[in-house]
Amino acid sequence: MWRYFALLSALFAALTAILAKIGLKGVNSNLATAVRTVVIIILAWGIVAFSGELKEVRNLTKQNLLFLVLSGLATGLSWIFYFKALATGPVSKVAPIDKLSVALTICLSVIILKEPLDGKVIAGGLLIIAGTLVLIR
């Protein structure tokens, strides 16, 4: 099931880039990021409320909150820089560079989370890097 969610994530990420590029026309990228963030907040809290999961807020530990806040900060900075790149560069080059995050995530998952690394993961990461280099040249 996770594969379907991952594919849907990729589809919506692709739409995000295209729709954002169109929406950024004549608009400051920081303002655009702020508008997008409000929509995401409403959507995310709406899903939590309507699915009956709001009561689970009390189960959050200090560690959960700390790392979710840090993740939120990282996400916010990622979006700010992504929108700045989209505002000034072509989507066909910005998006592949942004997707280098996959290769970086693989490296960080091994270093920080101690996840196992095998030949397929290494090959996939190297292919992502190589593909990105081809696309941006």
Protein backbone atom coordinates (compact mmCIF):
# COMPACT_ATOMS: atom_id res chain seq x y z
CA MET A 1 0.00 0.00 0.00
CA TRP A 2 2.85 2.40 0.78
CA ARG A 3 3.96 2.23 -2.86
CA TYR A 4 0.61 3.65 -4.01
CA PHE A 5 0.89 6.49 -1.51
CA ALA A 6 4.45 7.17 -2.69
CA LEU A 7 3.32 7.26 -6.33
CA LEU A 8 0.47 9.62 -5.45
CA SER A 9 2.98 11.77 -3.57
CA ALA A 10 5.16 11.93 -6.69
CA LEU A 11 2.17 12.84 -8.86
CA PHE A 12 1.07 15.64 -6.54
CA ALA A 13 4.65 16.86 -6.16
CA ALA A 14 4.85 17.15 -9.95
CA LEU A 15 1.57 19.05 -10.02
CA THR A 16 2.89 21.25 -7.21
CA ALA A 17 5.81 22.37 -9.33
CA ILE A 18 3.71 23.14 -12.39
CA LEU A 19 0.88 24.86 -10.52
CA ALA A 20 3.34 26.81 -8.35
CA LYS A 21 5.27 28.07 -11.38
CA ILE A 22 2.01 29.37 -12.88
CA GLY A 23 0.88 30.83 -9.54
CA LEU A 24 4.20 32.60 -8.95
CA LYS A 25 3.81 34.83 -11.99
CA GLY A 26 4.10 38.40 -10.74
CA VAL A 27 4.04 37.34 -7.06
CA ASN A 28 6.77 37.42 -4.43
CA SER A 29 7.89 33.83 -3.72
CA ASN A 30 7.71 34.30 0.07
CA LEU A 31 4.09 35.47 -0.18
CA ALA A 32 3.30 32.52 -2.44
CA THR A 33 4.85 30.13 0.08
CA ALA A 34 2.77 31.69 2.87
CA VAL A 35 -0.47 31.31 0.90
CA ARG A 36 0.37 27.70 0.06
CA THR A 37 1.17 26.99 3.71
CA VAL A 38 -2.22 28.29 4.89
CA VAL A 39 -3.95 25.98 2.43
CA ILE A 40 -1.87 23.04 3.67
CA ILE A 41 -2.64 23.86 7.31
CA ILE A 42 -6.38 23.96 6.62
CA LEU A 43 -6.22 20.72 4.62
CA ALA A 44 -4.10 18.82 7.15
CA TRP A 45 -6.10 19.89 10.23
CA GLY A 46 -9.33 19.28 8.33
CA ILE A 47 -8.29 15.70 7.60
CA VAL A 48 -7.29 15.16 11.24
CA ALA A 49 -10.58 16.62 12.52
CA PHE A 50 -12.87 14.80 10.09
CA SER A 51 -11.11 11.46 10.55
CA GLY A 52 -11.57 11.61 14.32
CA GLU A 53 -7.83 11.66 15.00
CA LEU A 54 -7.81 15.00 16.84
CA LYS A 55 -7.99 13.21 20.19
CA GLU A 56 -4.57 11.68 19.49
CA VAL A 57 -2.91 15.08 20.04
CA ARG A 58 -2.57 14.24 23.72
CA ASN A 59 -0.43 11.19 22.80
CA LEU A 60 2.34 13.39 21.43
CA THR A 61 5.50 13.23 23.53
CA LYS A 62 8.07 15.98 23.94
CA GLN A 63 10.34 14.06 21.57
CA ASN A 64 7.53 13.76 19.00
CA LEU A 65 6.89 17.49 19.22
CA LEU A 66 10.57 18.42 19.05
CA PHE A 67 11.26 16.40 15.93
CA LEU A 68 7.97 17.33 14.26
CA VAL A 69 8.76 21.02 14.87
CA LEU A 70 12.28 20.55 13.48
CA SER A 71 10.81 18.71 10.48
CA GLY A 72 8.35 21.56 10.01
CA LEU A 73 11.17 24.09 10.05
CA ALA A 74 13.10 22.04 7.49
CA THR A 75 9.96 21.77 5.34
CA GLY A 76 9.34 25.51 5.54
CA LEU A 77 12.89 26.34 4.54
CA SER A 78 12.71 23.79 1.72
CA TRP A 79 9.52 25.40 0.39
CA ILE A 80 10.90 28.92 0.66
CA PHE A 81 14.02 28.03 -1.32
CA TYR A 82 12.05 25.87 -3.77
CA PHE A 83 9.66 28.72 -4.54
CA LYS A 84 12.56 31.16 -4.93
CA ALA A 85 14.17 28.74 -7.39
CA LEU A 86 10.86 28.25 -9.25
CA ALA A 87 10.31 32.00 -9.44
CA THR A 88 13.58 32.52 -11.28
CA GLY A 89 14.37 29.20 -12.97
CA PRO A 90 12.75 26.71 -15.32
CA VAL A 91 10.65 24.00 -13.66
CA SER A 92 12.36 21.38 -15.83
CA LYS A 93 15.66 22.18 -14.11
CA VAL A 94 14.51 23.24 -10.64
CA ALA A 95 12.45 20.10 -9.98
CA PRO A 96 15.26 17.60 -10.76
CA ILE A 97 17.69 19.50 -8.56
CA ASP A 98 15.08 19.50 -5.79
CA LYS A 99 14.76 15.72 -6.21
CA LEU A 100 18.41 15.35 -5.25
CA SER A 101 16.78 15.32 -1.83
CA VAL A 102 16.11 11.63 -2.49
CA ALA A 103 19.83 10.85 -2.74
CA LEU A 104 20.56 13.07 0.27
CA THR A 105 17.79 11.32 2.22
CA ILE A 106 19.33 7.94 1.45
CA CYS A 107 22.69 9.14 2.82
CA LEU A 108 21.11 10.68 5.92
CA SER A 109 18.97 7.59 6.57
CA VAL A 110 22.13 5.49 6.72
CA ILE A 111 24.05 7.98 8.88
CA ILE A 112 21.32 9.09 11.29
CA LEU A 113 18.78 6.25 11.30
CA LYS A 114 21.34 3.46 10.73
CA GLU A 115 19.19 2.01 7.94
CA PRO A 116 20.84 -0.74 5.90
CA LEU A 117 22.35 0.12 2.55
CA ASP A 118 22.45 -2.40 -0.28
CA GLY A 119 23.56 -2.40 -3.90
CA LYS A 120 20.11 -1.50 -5.25
CA VAL A 121 19.82 1.53 -2.99
CA ILE A 122 23.33 2.71 -3.87
CA ALA A 123 22.71 2.20 -7.60
CA GLY A 124 19.36 4.00 -7.41
CA GLY A 125 20.87 6.94 -5.55
CA LEU A 126 23.72 7.22 -8.04
CA LEU A 127 21.27 7.05 -10.95
CA ILE A 128 19.22 9.87 -9.41
CA ILE A 129 22.36 11.98 -9.12
CA ALA A 130 23.44 11.12 -12.67
CA GLY A 131 19.96 11.84 -14.03
CA THR A 132 19.86 15.18 -12.30
CA LEU A 133 23.24 16.13 -13.75
CA VAL A 134 22.07 15.18 -17.25
CA LEU A 135 18.86 17.18 -16.91
CA ILE A 136 20.49 20.38 -15.63
CA ARG A 137 23.27 20.55 -18.22
